[in-house]
């Protein structure tokens, strides 16, 4: 999970599938931003991640028949995931950072469904503030 800032005013979550060579960009506030613009903003991940995997010999234990072996030097593919693909959407600016953190929290906890709405963001922000204050970010998702 990699939080990414786009254009200095919008956050999305990059969920990276190392074995398939894919990056899913989870966008909580789908704007009229072209794929090309978003791709420019996070394009470095498409090349950096394979390079990093090569440096740590991620592919060294793979055989030539293994799918991940053939991905070792290729750029990762990217796909935008938004409200049309089940990602909770915000309807006003200012909550994309909190939404992005919440998306990461759910994915890391292996939750199968995103079950919050924009109206829940006040409570979610308060919960995040309490967790930071109490230094308890390791708690499970409630």
C-alpha atoms as a PDB file:
ATOM      1  CA  UNK A   1       0.000   0.000   0.000  1.00  0.00           C
ATOM      2  CA  UNK A   2       1.447   3.327  -1.072  1.00  0.00           C
ATOM      3  CA  UNK A   3      -0.417   6.605  -0.469  1.00  0.00           C
ATOM      4  CA  UNK A   4       0.238   8.892  -3.464  1.00  0.00           C
ATOM      5  CA  UNK A   5      -0.326  12.610  -3.744  1.00  0.00           C
ATOM      6  CA  UNK A   6      -1.477  13.821  -7.143  1.00  0.00           C
ATOM      7  CA  UNK A   7      -0.913  17.407  -8.124  1.00  0.00           C
ATOM      8  CA  UNK A   8      -0.290  18.440  -4.503  1.00  0.00           C
ATOM      9  CA  UNK A   9      -3.998  18.426  -3.676  1.00  0.00           C
ATOM     10  CA  UNK A  10      -5.389  14.911  -4.018  1.00  0.00           C
ATOM     11  CA  UNK A  11      -4.573  11.559  -2.422  1.00  0.00           C
ATOM     12  CA  UNK A  12      -5.055   8.103  -3.912  1.00  0.00           C
ATOM     13  CA  UNK A  13      -3.913   4.702  -2.700  1.00  0.00           C
ATOM     14  CA  UNK A  14      -1.637   2.555  -4.841  1.00  0.00           C
ATOM     15  CA  UNK A  15      -2.237  -1.099  -4.041  1.00  0.00           C
ATOM     16  CA  UNK A  16       0.651  -3.068  -5.545  1.00  0.00           C
ATOM     17  CA  UNK A  17       0.399  -6.697  -6.626  1.00  0.00           C
ATOM     18  CA  UNK A  18       4.053  -7.765  -6.777  1.00  0.00           C
ATOM     19  CA  UNK A  19       3.463 -11.176  -8.311  1.00  0.00           C
ATOM     20  CA  UNK A  20       1.205  -9.968 -11.119  1.00  0.00           C
ATOM     21  CA  UNK A  21       3.062  -6.752 -11.880  1.00  0.00           C
ATOM     22  CA  UNK A  22       0.017  -4.541 -11.336  1.00  0.00           C
ATOM     23  CA  UNK A  23      -0.691  -1.302  -9.508  1.00  0.00           C
ATOM     24  CA  UNK A  24      -4.294  -0.513  -8.629  1.00  0.00           C
ATOM     25  CA  UNK A  25      -4.928   3.174  -7.967  1.00  0.00           C
ATOM     26  CA  UNK A  26      -7.862   3.458  -5.581  1.00  0.00           C
ATOM     27  CA  UNK A  27      -9.336   6.910  -6.079  1.00  0.00           C
ATOM     28  CA  UNK A  28     -11.898   8.107  -3.496  1.00  0.00           C
ATOM     29  CA  UNK A  29     -12.777  11.301  -5.384  1.00  0.00           C
ATOM     30  CA  UNK A  30     -12.850  10.594  -9.074  1.00  0.00           C
ATOM     31  CA  UNK A  31     -12.180  13.896 -10.750  1.00  0.00           C
ATOM     32  CA  UNK A  32     -12.036  14.855 -14.367  1.00  0.00           C
ATOM     33  CA  UNK A  33      -8.386  13.849 -14.473  1.00  0.00           C
ATOM     34  CA  UNK A  34      -7.175  11.966 -17.487  1.00  0.00           C
ATOM     35  CA  UNK A  35      -5.438   8.643 -17.151  1.00  0.00           C
ATOM     36  CA  UNK A  36      -2.385  10.219 -18.780  1.00  0.00           C
ATOM     37  CA  UNK A  37      -2.181  12.900 -16.060  1.00  0.00           C
ATOM     38  CA  UNK A  38      -2.548  10.356 -13.255  1.00  0.00           C
ATOM     39  CA  UNK A  39      -0.047   8.103 -14.986  1.00  0.00           C
ATOM     40  CA  UNK A  40       2.502  10.953 -15.068  1.00  0.00           C
ATOM     41  CA  UNK A  41       1.991  11.592 -11.364  1.00  0.00           C
ATOM     42  CA  UNK A  42       2.673   8.001 -10.312  1.00  0.00           C
ATOM     43  CA  UNK A  43       4.608   6.713 -13.337  1.00  0.00           C
ATOM     44  CA  UNK A  44       7.758   6.478 -11.248  1.00  0.00           C
ATOM     45  CA  UNK A  45       6.160   3.582  -9.325  1.00  0.00           C
ATOM     46  CA  UNK A  46       5.685   1.623 -12.550  1.00  0.00           C
ATOM     47  CA  UNK A  47       9.474   1.504 -13.031  1.00  0.00           C
ATOM     48  CA  UNK A  48      10.767   1.941  -9.486  1.00  0.00           C
ATOM     49  CA  UNK A  49       9.019  -1.111  -8.031  1.00  0.00           C
ATOM     50  CA  UNK A  50      10.406  -3.596 -10.599  1.00  0.00           C
ATOM     51  CA  UNK A  51      13.857  -2.053 -10.163  1.00  0.00           C
ATOM     52  CA  UNK A  52      13.608  -2.369  -6.388  1.00  0.00           C
ATOM     53  CA  UNK A  53      12.450  -5.995  -6.675  1.00  0.00           C
ATOM     54  CA  UNK A  54      15.424  -6.720  -8.887  1.00  0.00           C
ATOM     55  CA  UNK A  55      17.800  -5.148  -6.338  1.00  0.00           C
ATOM     56  CA  UNK A  56      16.475  -7.326  -3.511  1.00  0.00           C
ATOM     57  CA  UNK A  57      16.515 -10.411  -5.777  1.00  0.00           C
ATOM     58  CA  UNK A  58      12.764 -10.930  -5.454  1.00  0.00           C
ATOM     59  CA  UNK A  59      12.776 -12.942  -8.675  1.00  0.00           C
ATOM     60  CA  UNK A  60      15.876 -15.022  -7.923  1.00  0.00           C
ATOM     61  CA  UNK A  61      13.852 -17.951  -6.585  1.00  0.00           C
ATOM     62  CA  UNK A  62      11.546 -18.009  -9.584  1.00  0.00           C
ATOM     63  CA  UNK A  63      11.848 -20.243 -12.615  1.00  0.00           C
ATOM     64  CA  UNK A  64      11.601 -19.070 -16.207  1.00  0.00           C
ATOM     65  CA  UNK A  65       8.148 -20.683 -16.380  1.00  0.00           C
ATOM     66  CA  UNK A  66       6.922 -18.613 -13.440  1.00  0.00           C
ATOM     67  CA  UNK A  67       4.822 -15.571 -14.386  1.00  0.00           C
ATOM     68  CA  UNK A  68       6.715 -13.334 -11.970  1.00  0.00           C
ATOM     69  CA  UNK A  69      10.046 -14.184 -13.602  1.00  0.00           C
ATOM     70  CA  UNK A  70       8.942 -12.634 -16.869  1.00  0.00           C
ATOM     71  CA  UNK A  71       7.787  -9.503 -15.044  1.00  0.00           C
ATOM     72  CA  UNK A  72      11.144  -8.855 -13.442  1.00  0.00           C
ATOM     73  CA  UNK A  73      12.279  -6.055 -15.747  1.00  0.00           C
ATOM     74  CA  UNK A  74       8.985  -4.817 -17.177  1.00  0.00           C
ATOM     75  CA  UNK A  75       7.109  -1.768 -15.988  1.00  0.00           C
ATOM     76  CA  UNK A  76       4.080  -2.553 -13.872  1.00  0.00           C
ATOM     77  CA  UNK A  77       0.646  -1.982 -15.372  1.00  0.00           C
ATOM     78  CA  UNK A  78      -1.731   0.465 -13.712  1.00  0.00           C
ATOM     79  CA  UNK A  79      -5.499   0.469 -13.342  1.00  0.00           C
ATOM     80  CA  UNK A  80      -7.677   3.171 -11.807  1.00  0.00           C
ATOM     81  CA  UNK A  81     -10.245   1.871  -9.326  1.00  0.00           C
ATOM     82  CA  UNK A  82     -13.017   4.343  -8.482  1.00  0.00           C
ATOM     83  CA  UNK A  83     -16.654   4.374  -7.402  1.00  0.00           C
ATOM     84  CA  UNK A  84     -17.685   2.322 -10.406  1.00  0.00           C
ATOM     85  CA  UNK A  85     -15.496  -0.465  -9.007  1.00  0.00           C
ATOM     86  CA  UNK A  86     -16.693  -0.320  -5.396  1.00  0.00           C
ATOM     87  CA  UNK A  87     -14.271   2.242  -3.939  1.00  0.00           C
ATOM     88  CA  UNK A  88     -16.180   4.541  -1.509  1.00  0.00           C
ATOM     89  CA  UNK A  89     -16.448   8.024  -2.961  1.00  0.00           C
ATOM     90  CA  UNK A  90     -16.303  11.387  -1.301  1.00  0.00           C
ATOM     91  CA  UNK A  91     -18.640  14.042  -2.609  1.00  0.00           C
ATOM     92  CA  UNK A  92     -16.730  17.092  -1.471  1.00  0.00           C
ATOM     93  CA  UNK A  93     -13.083  18.031  -1.304  1.00  0.00           C
ATOM     94  CA  UNK A  94     -10.938  17.682   1.778  1.00  0.00           C
ATOM     95  CA  UNK A  95     -11.526  14.064   2.735  1.00  0.00           C
ATOM     96  CA  UNK A  96      -9.366  12.238   0.176  1.00  0.00           C
ATOM     97  CA  UNK A  97      -6.475  11.805   2.645  1.00  0.00           C
ATOM     98  CA  UNK A  98      -8.708  10.261   5.307  1.00  0.00           C
ATOM     99  CA  UNK A  99     -10.446   8.113   2.692  1.00  0.00           C
ATOM    100  CA  UNK A 100      -7.059   6.933   1.403  1.00  0.00           C
ATOM    101  CA  UNK A 101      -5.900   5.947   4.894  1.00  0.00           C
ATOM    102  CA  UNK A 102      -9.190   4.165   5.528  1.00  0.00           C
ATOM    103  CA  UNK A 103      -8.835   2.244   2.233  1.00  0.00           C
ATOM    104  CA  UNK A 104      -5.350   1.096   3.278  1.00  0.00           C
ATOM    105  CA  UNK A 105      -6.601   0.114   6.718  1.00  0.00           C
ATOM    106  CA  UNK A 106      -9.390  -2.037   5.244  1.00  0.00           C
ATOM    107  CA  UNK A 107      -7.184  -3.691   2.638  1.00  0.00           C
ATOM    108  CA  UNK A 108      -4.480  -4.510   5.192  1.00  0.00           C
ATOM    109  CA  UNK A 109      -7.124  -6.031   7.472  1.00  0.00           C
ATOM    110  CA  UNK A 110      -8.371  -8.163   4.528  1.00  0.00           C
ATOM    111  CA  UNK A 111     -11.848  -6.679   4.735  1.00  0.00           C
ATOM    112  CA  UNK A 112     -13.807  -7.823   1.701  1.00  0.00           C
ATOM    113  CA  UNK A 113     -16.139  -4.857   1.495  1.00  0.00           C
ATOM    114  CA  UNK A 114     -15.759  -1.134   2.048  1.00  0.00           C
ATOM    115  CA  UNK A 115     -18.677  -0.339   4.336  1.00  0.00           C
ATOM    116  CA  UNK A 116     -18.432   3.372   5.060  1.00  0.00           C
ATOM    117  CA  UNK A 117     -19.990   6.393   3.427  1.00  0.00           C
ATOM    118  CA  UNK A 118     -19.086  10.065   3.153  1.00  0.00           C
ATOM    119  CA  UNK A 119     -21.376  10.846   6.103  1.00  0.00           C
ATOM    120  CA  UNK A 120     -19.141   8.647   8.322  1.00  0.00           C
ATOM    121  CA  UNK A 121     -15.988  10.667   7.646  1.00  0.00           C
ATOM    122  CA  UNK A 122     -16.336  12.941  10.692  1.00  0.00           C
ATOM    123  CA  UNK A 123     -16.378   9.933  13.003  1.00  0.00           C
ATOM    124  CA  UNK A 124     -13.598   8.228  11.060  1.00  0.00           C
ATOM    125  CA  UNK A 125     -11.409  11.345  11.297  1.00  0.00           C
ATOM    126  CA  UNK A 126     -12.010  11.541  15.053  1.00  0.00           C
ATOM    127  CA  UNK A 127     -11.110   7.852  15.432  1.00  0.00           C
ATOM    128  CA  UNK A 128      -7.888   8.407  13.468  1.00  0.00           C
ATOM    129  CA  UNK A 129      -6.990  11.389  15.641  1.00  0.00           C
ATOM    130  CA  UNK A 130      -7.536   9.372  18.824  1.00  0.00           C
ATOM    131  CA  UNK A 131      -5.435   6.493  17.443  1.00  0.00           C
ATOM    132  CA  UNK A 132      -2.579   8.827  16.589  1.00  0.00           C
ATOM    133  CA  UNK A 133      -2.820  10.558  19.950  1.00  0.00           C
ATOM    134  CA  UNK A 134      -2.889   7.240  21.822  1.00  0.00           C
ATOM    135  CA  UNK A 135      -0.164   5.769  19.588  1.00  0.00           C
ATOM    136  CA  UNK A 136      -2.392   2.805  18.815  1.00  0.00           C
ATOM    137  CA  UNK A 137      -2.335   2.611  15.035  1.00  0.00           C
ATOM    138  CA  UNK A 138      -1.821  -1.142  15.291  1.00  0.00           C
ATOM    139  CA  UNK A 139      -5.417  -1.671  16.497  1.00  0.00           C
ATOM    140  CA  UNK A 140      -7.745  -3.660  14.281  1.00  0.00           C
ATOM    141  CA  UNK A 141     -10.301  -1.990  12.048  1.00  0.00           C
ATOM    142  CA  UNK A 142     -13.564  -1.386  13.852  1.00  0.00           C
END
